[in-house]
Amino acid sequence: QVQLVESGGGLLQPGASLRLSCVVSGFPFDSLYIGWFRQAPGKEREAVSYMNIGGDITYYKRAVRGRFTQSRDHAKNSVHLQMNNLKPEDTAVYFCAGVDRPVPRAIPLPSDFDYWGVGTQVTVSS
């Protein structure tokens, strides 16, 4: 059974940094393409970042470019999302998602992914 478990969410002030983690089990980690999504209240789930297995193809939502960085830790079967200079508009539930094939489009969609974590809340407020 494939499991993705997110951690690292919290309540922070604007300008703070936070690192989210997603631990993968039940599937060969090196064969899983991982993306991060977020969903704010009343809004659709949207892709925040995505990286292919080789790390040579990445996507970042325009609003987070230069502030967020996705990385893989093969030793710990984990994917991280480093978030810097957080803004109130970054407030959302953040999900990691996995699929065993490359995402077939420039901007990932939720329907491109087969496996999901339950999400972790990130709240940015002064």
Foldseek 3Di string as FASTA:
>chain_A
DKAWAKDWADEAAAQAKTKMKIAIDDDQLLQKWKWKWWDDPPGDIFTAKTAGSVRPAMDGDPVQPPFWDWDADNVRSMIMIIGGRDDQVVWTWMKMFIDRDDQPDNTHDPVSGDYIHPTDTHGYHD
